Amino acid sequence: MISKKIQLMVGAFLLIGIAAILMLAIKVADSRMGGGGDVYVLSAKFDNVGGLKVRSAVKVGGVVVGRVSAISLDDDFSPLVVMKIESKFNQFSDSSSVAILTSGLLGEQFIGLTPGFIDEDSEILTSGGMIEDTRSAMVLEDLIGQFLYGGNDD
């Protein structure tokens, strides 16, 4: 009788532990989704987005300033990337540029945002603004093909 009671207590303790771990995982995942802060939206058109995914990081100098919120095709069938940038980083000028970069040789892809110069001729991008200066993702297969077949000048 006592061993059955101990088994029930151990089982209940185990269930409570699993529930606590699940709640912690959900809490951490929700905090990483950026659901709590103020954001503004910037867009950019690319020729090729490669393996970029929704929720990929937007980084300035290695610091995450936002996330990719949507990837779709524009009216002219160009990939359009919509980024949500934290409001505290709202001083990007219209001369800023974005590039799709890769972490390491075969790592995940992210957007590298390079701030432009702020002078009397430039404007600060507001929510809904479009970044015109873009560099598309480098596709590994294309690079290998250029190396193998494009190197001869005969």
N, C-alpha and C. Protein backbone atom coordinates (compact mmCIF):
# COMPACT_ATOMS: atom_id res chain seq x y z
N MET A 1 0.82 -1.19 0.00
CA MET A 1 0.00 0.00 0.00
C MET A 1 0.86 1.26 0.00
N ILE A 2 1.94 1.23 0.77
CA ILE A 2 2.81 2.40 0.84
C ILE A 2 3.53 2.60 -0.49
N SER A 3 3.94 1.51 -1.15
CA SER A 3 4.64 1.67 -2.42
C SER A 3 3.71 2.25 -3.49
N LYS A 4 2.42 1.92 -3.47
CA LYS A 4 1.48 2.50 -4.41
C LYS A 4 1.33 4.00 -4.17
N LYS A 5 1.30 4.40 -2.93
CA LYS A 5 1.19 5.81 -2.58
C LYS A 5 2.44 6.56 -3.03
N ILE A 6 3.59 5.97 -2.87
CA ILE A 6 4.85 6.59 -3.30
C ILE A 6 4.88 6.70 -4.82
N GLN A 7 4.42 5.65 -5.50
CA GLN A 7 4.39 5.68 -6.95
C GLN A 7 3.46 6.79 -7.46
N LEU A 8 2.32 6.95 -6.82
CA LEU A 8 1.40 8.02 -7.21
C LEU A 8 2.02 9.40 -6.96
N MET A 9 2.70 9.57 -5.86
CA MET A 9 3.35 10.85 -5.56
C MET A 9 4.47 11.14 -6.55
N VAL A 10 5.26 10.14 -6.88
CA VAL A 10 6.34 10.32 -7.84
C VAL A 10 5.75 10.66 -9.21
N GLY A 11 4.69 9.97 -9.61
CA GLY A 11 4.02 10.25 -10.87
C GLY A 11 3.47 11.67 -10.92
N ALA A 12 2.83 12.11 -9.83
CA ALA A 12 2.30 13.47 -9.77
C ALA A 12 3.43 14.50 -9.83
N PHE A 13 4.51 14.24 -9.12
CA PHE A 13 5.66 15.13 -9.15
C PHE A 13 6.24 15.21 -10.56
N LEU A 14 6.32 14.10 -11.25
CA LEU A 14 6.84 14.06 -12.60
C LEU A 14 5.94 14.85 -13.57
N LEU A 15 4.63 14.69 -13.43
CA LEU A 15 3.70 15.44 -14.28
C LEU A 15 3.80 16.95 -14.02
N ILE A 16 3.92 17.34 -12.77
CA ILE A 16 4.08 18.76 -12.44
C ILE A 16 5.38 19.30 -13.03
N GLY A 17 6.44 18.51 -12.96
CA GLY A 17 7.73 18.92 -13.54
C GLY A 17 7.65 19.10 -15.05
N ILE A 18 7.00 18.16 -15.73
CA ILE A 18 6.86 18.26 -17.18
C ILE A 18 6.01 19.47 -17.55
N ALA A 19 4.93 19.70 -16.80
CA ALA A 19 4.08 20.87 -17.06
C ALA A 19 4.87 22.17 -16.86
N ALA A 20 5.71 22.22 -15.84
CA ALA A 20 6.51 23.42 -15.59
C ALA A 20 7.51 23.66 -16.72
N ILE A 21 8.13 22.60 -17.22
CA ILE A 21 9.08 22.74 -18.32
C ILE A 21 8.37 23.22 -19.58
N LEU A 22 7.18 22.68 -19.86
CA LEU A 22 6.41 23.11 -21.03
C LEU A 22 6.01 24.58 -20.91
N MET A 23 5.58 25.00 -19.74
CA MET A 23 5.20 26.40 -19.55
C MET A 23 6.41 27.32 -19.73
N LEU A 24 7.56 26.90 -19.24
CA LEU A 24 8.78 27.69 -19.40
C LEU A 24 9.17 27.79 -20.87
N ALA A 25 9.06 26.68 -21.60
CA ALA A 25 9.40 26.69 -23.03
C ALA A 25 8.46 27.62 -23.80
N ILE A 26 7.18 27.58 -23.48
CA ILE A 26 6.22 28.47 -24.15
C ILE A 26 6.52 29.93 -23.82
N LYS A 27 6.85 30.20 -22.59
CA LYS A 27 7.17 31.58 -22.18
C LYS A 27 8.41 32.10 -22.90
N VAL A 28 9.46 31.28 -23.01
CA VAL A 28 10.68 31.69 -23.69
C VAL A 28 10.42 31.88 -25.17
N ALA A 29 9.66 30.98 -25.79
CA ALA A 29 9.36 31.11 -27.22
C ALA A 29 8.54 32.37 -27.48
N ASP A 30 7.61 32.70 -26.61
CA ASP A 30 6.80 33.90 -26.79
C ASP A 30 7.64 35.16 -26.64
N SER A 31 8.60 35.17 -25.73
CA SER A 31 9.42 36.36 -25.55
C SER A 31 10.35 36.56 -26.73
N ARG A 32 10.75 35.51 -27.42
CA ARG A 32 11.61 35.65 -28.58
C ARG A 32 10.84 36.09 -29.81
N MET A 33 9.54 35.96 -29.81
CA MET A 33 8.75 36.35 -30.97
C MET A 33 8.59 37.86 -31.06
N GLY A 34 9.05 38.57 -30.08
CA GLY A 34 8.97 40.03 -30.13
C GLY A 34 7.55 40.54 -30.02
N GLY A 35 6.72 39.83 -29.28
CA GLY A 35 5.33 40.20 -29.19
C GLY A 35 5.06 41.34 -28.24
N GLY A 36 6.06 41.83 -27.51
CA GLY A 36 5.76 42.81 -26.49
C GLY A 36 6.11 44.24 -26.81
N GLY A 37 7.07 44.48 -27.72
CA GLY A 37 7.55 45.84 -27.91
C GLY A 37 6.93 46.55 -29.09
N ASP A 38 7.18 47.88 -29.13
CA ASP A 38 6.73 48.68 -30.26
C ASP A 38 7.67 48.45 -31.44
N VAL A 39 7.09 48.30 -32.61
CA VAL A 39 7.87 48.07 -33.82
C VAL A 39 7.38 48.98 -34.94
N TYR A 40 8.21 49.17 -35.93
CA TYR A 40 7.76 49.80 -37.16
C TYR A 40 8.20 48.91 -38.31
N VAL A 41 7.55 49.08 -39.44
CA VAL A 41 7.68 48.15 -40.56
C VAL A 41 8.48 48.79 -41.69
N LEU A 42 9.48 48.06 -42.18
CA LEU A 42 10.23 48.44 -43.37
C LEU A 42 10.15 47.31 -44.38
N SER A 43 10.21 47.63 -45.65
CA SER A 43 10.14 46.62 -46.71
C SER A 43 11.34 46.77 -47.63
N ALA A 44 11.65 45.68 -48.34
CA ALA A 44 12.72 45.69 -49.32
C ALA A 44 12.44 44.63 -50.38
N LYS A 45 12.75 44.97 -51.64
CA LYS A 45 12.62 44.02 -52.74
C LYS A 45 13.98 43.43 -53.06
N PHE A 46 14.00 42.13 -53.31
CA PHE A 46 15.23 41.43 -53.65
C PHE A 46 15.02 40.68 -54.97
N ASP A 47 16.13 40.29 -55.60
CA ASP A 47 16.06 39.41 -56.76
C ASP A 47 15.91 37.96 -56.33
N ASN A 48 16.57 37.59 -55.22
CA ASN A 48 16.55 36.23 -54.73
C ASN A 48 16.70 36.26 -53.22
N VAL A 49 15.78 35.63 -52.50
CA VAL A 49 15.88 35.61 -51.04
C VAL A 49 16.56 34.35 -50.52
N GLY A 50 16.90 33.42 -51.40
CA GLY A 50 17.60 32.21 -50.98
C GLY A 50 16.81 31.44 -49.94
N GLY A 51 17.45 31.13 -48.82
CA GLY A 51 16.81 30.37 -47.75
C GLY A 51 16.31 31.24 -46.61
N LEU A 52 16.11 32.52 -46.86
CA LEU A 52 15.61 33.41 -45.82
C LEU A 52 14.22 32.97 -45.39
N LYS A 53 13.95 33.02 -44.10
CA LYS A 53 12.67 32.56 -43.57
C LYS A 53 12.01 33.66 -42.75
N VAL A 54 10.72 33.54 -42.59
CA VAL A 54 10.00 34.43 -41.68
C VAL A 54 10.57 34.20 -40.28
N ARG A 55 10.73 35.25 -39.52
CA ARG A 55 11.31 35.28 -38.18
C ARG A 55 12.84 35.25 -38.19
N SER A 56 13.46 35.35 -39.39
CA SER A 56 14.91 35.49 -39.45
C SER A 56 15.28 36.85 -38.86
N ALA A 57 16.48 36.93 -38.34
CA ALA A 57 16.93 38.15 -37.68
C ALA A 57 17.26 39.26 -38.68
N VAL A 58 17.05 40.49 -38.26
CA VAL A 58 17.53 41.68 -38.95
C VAL A 58 18.61 42.26 -38.04
N LYS A 59 19.85 42.32 -38.54
CA LYS A 59 20.97 42.72 -37.69
C LYS A 59 21.67 43.95 -38.25
N VAL A 60 22.15 44.77 -37.33
CA VAL A 60 23.03 45.89 -37.66
C VAL A 60 24.31 45.65 -36.89
N GLY A 61 25.39 45.38 -37.59
CA GLY A 61 26.67 45.13 -36.94
C GLY A 61 26.63 43.94 -35.98
N GLY A 62 25.82 42.94 -36.27
CA GLY A 62 25.72 41.76 -35.42
C GLY A 62 24.70 41.86 -34.31
N VAL A 63 24.07 43.02 -34.14
CA VAL A 63 23.07 43.22 -33.09
C VAL A 63 21.68 43.08 -33.71
N VAL A 64 20.85 42.25 -33.12
CA VAL A 64 19.50 42.03 -33.65
C VAL A 64 18.65 43.25 -33.34
N VAL A 65 18.11 43.88 -34.40
CA VAL A 65 17.26 45.06 -34.24
C VAL A 65 15.83 44.78 -34.67
N GLY A 66 15.60 43.60 -35.24
CA GLY A 66 14.25 43.28 -35.69
C GLY A 66 14.18 41.87 -36.25
N ARG A 67 13.04 41.55 -36.84
CA ARG A 67 12.78 40.22 -37.41
C ARG A 67 12.05 40.37 -38.74
N VAL A 68 12.23 39.39 -39.60
CA VAL A 68 11.47 39.32 -40.84
C VAL A 68 10.06 38.88 -40.49
N SER A 69 9.05 39.64 -40.91
CA SER A 69 7.67 39.30 -40.56
C SER A 69 6.93 38.66 -41.71
N ALA A 70 7.34 38.90 -42.96
CA ALA A 70 6.66 38.30 -44.10
C ALA A 70 7.57 38.28 -45.31
N ILE A 71 7.40 37.26 -46.13
CA ILE A 71 8.09 37.16 -47.42
C ILE A 71 7.03 36.80 -48.45
N SER A 72 6.92 37.63 -49.47
CA SER A 72 5.90 37.37 -50.49
C SER A 72 6.41 37.84 -51.84
N LEU A 73 5.61 37.61 -52.88
CA LEU A 73 5.94 38.11 -54.20
C LEU A 73 5.18 39.40 -54.45
N ASP A 74 5.87 40.37 -54.99
CA ASP A 74 5.26 41.65 -55.33
C ASP A 74 4.50 41.52 -56.64
N ASP A 75 3.88 42.61 -57.10
CA ASP A 75 3.11 42.60 -58.35
C ASP A 75 3.96 42.21 -59.55
N ASP A 76 5.26 42.58 -59.53
CA ASP A 76 6.14 42.24 -60.65
C ASP A 76 6.92 40.95 -60.38
N PHE A 77 6.43 40.12 -59.48
CA PHE A 77 6.99 38.81 -59.13
C PHE A 77 8.41 38.90 -58.56
N SER A 78 8.71 39.99 -57.90
CA SER A 78 9.97 40.13 -57.16
C SER A 78 9.69 39.79 -55.71
N PRO A 79 10.61 39.06 -55.06
CA PRO A 79 10.41 38.78 -53.64
C PRO A 79 10.41 40.07 -52.81
N LEU A 80 9.39 40.22 -52.00
CA LEU A 80 9.24 41.38 -51.12
C LEU A 80 9.36 40.90 -49.68
N VAL A 81 10.31 41.47 -48.95
CA VAL A 81 10.55 41.10 -47.56
C VAL A 81 10.07 42.23 -46.68
N VAL A 82 9.22 41.90 -45.71
CA VAL A 82 8.71 42.88 -44.75
C VAL A 82 9.40 42.61 -43.42
N MET A 83 9.97 43.66 -42.84
CA MET A 83 10.72 43.54 -41.59
C MET A 83 10.09 44.38 -40.50
N LYS A 84 10.01 43.84 -39.31
CA LYS A 84 9.56 44.61 -38.15
C LYS A 84 10.80 44.98 -37.35
N ILE A 85 11.04 46.29 -37.25
CA ILE A 85 12.20 46.82 -36.55
C ILE A 85 11.73 47.43 -35.23
N GLU A 86 12.50 47.21 -34.17
CA GLU A 86 12.15 47.79 -32.87
C GLU A 86 12.16 49.30 -32.97
N SER A 87 11.19 49.93 -32.32
CA SER A 87 11.02 51.39 -32.43
C SER A 87 12.19 52.18 -31.89
N LYS A 88 12.96 51.62 -30.98
CA LYS A 88 14.10 52.37 -30.47
C LYS A 88 15.21 52.52 -31.51
N PHE A 89 15.13 51.74 -32.61
CA PHE A 89 16.08 51.87 -33.71
C PHE A 89 15.37 52.51 -34.91
N ASN A 90 14.86 53.71 -34.74
CA ASN A 90 14.04 54.34 -35.78
C ASN A 90 14.76 55.46 -36.52
N GLN A 91 16.07 55.42 -36.58
CA GLN A 91 16.83 56.49 -37.21
C GLN A 91 17.55 56.04 -38.48
N PHE A 92 16.96 55.12 -39.25
CA PHE A 92 17.59 54.68 -40.49
C PHE A 92 17.17 55.62 -41.61
N SER A 93 18.14 56.07 -42.39
CA SER A 93 17.83 57.00 -43.48
C SER A 93 17.47 56.23 -44.75
N ASP A 94 16.98 56.96 -45.73
CA ASP A 94 16.59 56.33 -46.99
C ASP A 94 17.80 55.87 -47.80
N SER A 95 19.01 56.22 -47.38
CA SER A 95 20.21 55.73 -48.05
C SER A 95 20.75 54.45 -47.41
N SER A 96 20.01 53.88 -46.47
CA SER A 96 20.40 52.62 -45.84
C SER A 96 20.30 51.49 -46.86
N SER A 97 21.05 50.42 -46.61
CA SER A 97 21.00 49.27 -47.52
C SER A 97 20.81 47.99 -46.71
N VAL A 98 20.27 46.98 -47.38
CA VAL A 98 20.07 45.67 -46.76
C VAL A 98 20.67 44.60 -47.67
N ALA A 99 21.17 43.54 -47.03
CA ALA A 99 21.72 42.41 -47.76
C ALA A 99 21.32 41.14 -47.03
N ILE A 100 21.10 40.09 -47.79
CA ILE A 100 20.82 38.79 -47.18
C ILE A 100 22.16 38.10 -46.99
N LEU A 101 22.51 37.85 -45.74
CA LEU A 101 23.80 37.28 -45.37
C LEU A 101 23.61 35.91 -44.74
N THR A 102 24.70 35.17 -44.60
CA THR A 102 24.66 33.84 -44.01
C THR A 102 25.59 33.79 -42.81
N SER A 103 25.12 33.18 -41.73
CA SER A 103 25.96 32.97 -40.56
C SER A 103 26.87 31.78 -40.84
N GLY A 104 28.15 32.03 -40.99
CA GLY A 104 29.08 30.95 -41.30
C GLY A 104 28.96 30.52 -42.75
N LEU A 105 29.53 29.35 -43.06
CA LEU A 105 29.52 28.88 -44.44
C LEU A 105 28.17 28.35 -44.87
N LEU A 106 27.55 27.56 -44.03
CA LEU A 106 26.26 26.96 -44.36
C LEU A 106 25.21 27.25 -43.29
N GLY A 107 25.36 28.32 -42.55
CA GLY A 107 24.45 28.63 -41.45
C GLY A 107 23.16 29.26 -41.91
N GLU A 108 22.39 29.72 -40.94
CA GLU A 108 21.10 30.34 -41.24
C GLU A 108 21.31 31.70 -41.90
N GLN A 109 20.32 32.11 -42.67
CA GLN A 109 20.42 33.39 -43.34
C GLN A 109 19.69 34.45 -42.52
N PHE A 110 20.18 35.67 -42.61
CA PHE A 110 19.59 36.80 -41.91
C PHE A 110 19.75 38.04 -42.78
N ILE A 111 19.10 39.10 -42.38
CA ILE A 111 19.21 40.36 -43.11
C ILE A 111 20.20 41.26 -42.39
N GLY A 112 21.20 41.71 -43.12
CA GLY A 112 22.16 42.67 -42.61
C GLY A 112 21.76 44.06 -43.06
N LEU A 113 21.46 44.91 -42.12
CA LEU A 113 21.03 46.28 -42.41
C LEU A 113 22.20 47.22 -42.15
N THR A 114 22.57 47.97 -43.18
CA THR A 114 23.66 48.94 -43.06
C THR A 114 23.06 50.34 -43.05
N PRO A 115 23.20 51.05 -41.94
CA PRO A 115 22.62 52.40 -41.88
C PRO A 115 23.29 53.34 -42.87
N GLY A 116 22.48 54.19 -43.48
CA GLY A 116 22.99 55.19 -44.41
C GLY A 116 23.33 56.47 -43.68
N PHE A 117 23.89 57.40 -44.42
CA PHE A 117 24.25 58.69 -43.85
C PHE A 117 23.02 59.55 -43.66
N ILE A 118 23.03 60.30 -42.58
CA ILE A 118 21.94 61.24 -42.32
C ILE A 118 22.48 62.65 -42.54
N ASP A 119 21.95 63.29 -43.58
CA ASP A 119 22.33 64.66 -43.87
C ASP A 119 21.09 65.43 -44.31
N GLU A 120 21.26 66.65 -44.81
CA GLU A 120 20.11 67.47 -45.16
C GLU A 120 19.36 66.94 -46.38
N ASP A 121 20.00 66.11 -47.21
CA ASP A 121 19.34 65.56 -48.39
C ASP A 121 18.60 64.25 -48.13
N SER A 122 18.89 63.61 -47.02
CA SER A 122 18.28 62.30 -46.75
C SER A 122 17.07 62.45 -45.82
N GLU A 123 16.22 61.45 -45.89
CA GLU A 123 15.05 61.40 -45.02
C GLU A 123 15.13 60.16 -44.14
N ILE A 124 14.52 60.26 -42.97
CA ILE A 124 14.45 59.11 -42.06
C ILE A 124 13.29 58.22 -42.51
N LEU A 125 13.55 56.92 -42.60
CA LEU A 125 12.50 55.99 -42.99
C LEU A 125 11.48 55.85 -41.87
N THR A 126 10.22 55.97 -42.22
CA THR A 126 9.14 55.80 -41.25
C THR A 126 8.48 54.45 -41.48
N SER A 127 7.53 54.11 -40.65
CA SER A 127 6.84 52.83 -40.78
C SER A 127 6.17 52.75 -42.15
N GLY A 128 6.39 51.63 -42.82
CA GLY A 128 5.88 51.43 -44.16
C GLY A 128 6.87 51.83 -45.23
N GLY A 129 8.05 52.31 -44.83
CA GLY A 129 9.06 52.76 -45.78
C GLY A 129 9.70 51.59 -46.53
N MET A 130 10.27 51.92 -47.68
CA MET A 130 10.91 50.93 -48.54
C MET A 130 12.40 51.23 -48.64
N ILE A 131 13.22 50.21 -48.41
CA ILE A 131 14.67 50.34 -48.59
C ILE A 131 14.97 49.93 -50.02
N GLU A 132 15.56 50.84 -50.77
CA GLU A 132 15.78 50.62 -52.20
C GLU A 132 17.08 49.87 -52.50
N ASP A 133 18.11 50.11 -51.71
CA ASP A 133 19.43 49.52 -51.96
C ASP A 133 19.49 48.13 -51.34
N THR A 134 19.39 47.09 -52.17
CA THR A 134 19.36 45.71 -51.66
C THR A 134 20.40 44.87 -52.38
N ARG A 135 20.89 43.85 -51.68
CA ARG A 135 21.76 42.82 -52.27
C ARG A 135 21.15 41.47 -51.93
N SER A 136 20.92 40.69 -52.95
CA SER A 136 20.24 39.40 -52.79
C SER A 136 21.17 38.36 -52.18
N ALA A 137 20.56 37.24 -51.82
CA ALA A 137 21.30 36.13 -51.23
C ALA A 137 22.22 35.50 -52.26
N MET A 138 23.37 35.05 -51.80
CA MET A 138 24.27 34.29 -52.66
C MET A 138 23.89 32.82 -52.53
N VAL A 139 23.57 32.22 -53.66
CA VAL A 139 23.19 30.82 -53.67
C VAL A 139 24.44 29.99 -53.91
N LEU A 140 24.70 29.05 -53.03
CA LEU A 140 25.93 28.25 -53.08
C LEU A 140 26.06 27.52 -54.41
N GLU A 141 24.97 27.00 -54.92
CA GLU A 141 25.02 26.26 -56.19
C GLU A 141 25.43 27.18 -57.34
N ASP A 142 24.94 28.42 -57.33
CA ASP A 142 25.33 29.37 -58.37
C ASP A 142 26.81 29.72 -58.28
N LEU A 143 27.33 29.88 -57.08
CA LEU A 143 28.74 30.18 -56.91
C LEU A 143 29.61 29.03 -57.40
N ILE A 144 29.21 27.81 -57.08
CA ILE A 144 29.98 26.65 -57.54
C ILE A 144 29.93 26.57 -59.06
N GLY A 145 28.76 26.83 -59.65
CA GLY A 145 28.64 26.81 -61.10
C GLY A 145 29.51 27.86 -61.77
N GLN A 146 29.56 29.05 -61.18
CA GLN A 146 30.42 30.10 -61.74
C GLN A 146 31.88 29.71 -61.63
N PHE A 147 32.24 29.09 -60.54
CA PHE A 147 33.63 28.68 -60.36
C PHE A 147 34.01 27.59 -61.36
N LEU A 148 33.14 26.62 -61.55
CA LEU A 148 33.44 25.50 -62.43
C LEU A 148 33.37 25.86 -63.91
N TYR A 149 32.36 26.63 -64.31
CA TYR A 149 32.11 26.84 -65.73
C TYR A 149 32.35 28.26 -66.20
N GLY A 150 32.40 29.21 -65.30
CA GLY A 150 32.51 30.60 -65.72
C GLY A 150 33.91 31.17 -65.66
N GLY A 151 34.89 30.38 -65.30
CA GLY A 151 36.24 30.91 -65.10
C GLY A 151 37.10 30.98 -66.35
N ASN A 152 36.68 30.37 -67.47
CA ASN A 152 37.49 30.36 -68.69
C ASN A 152 37.20 31.57 -69.55
N ASP A 153 38.24 32.23 -70.03
CA ASP A 153 38.08 33.39 -70.90
C ASP A 153 38.44 33.06 -72.33
N ASP A 154 38.49 31.79 -72.70
CA ASP A 154 38.92 31.38 -74.04
C ASP A 154 38.03 32.00 -75.03
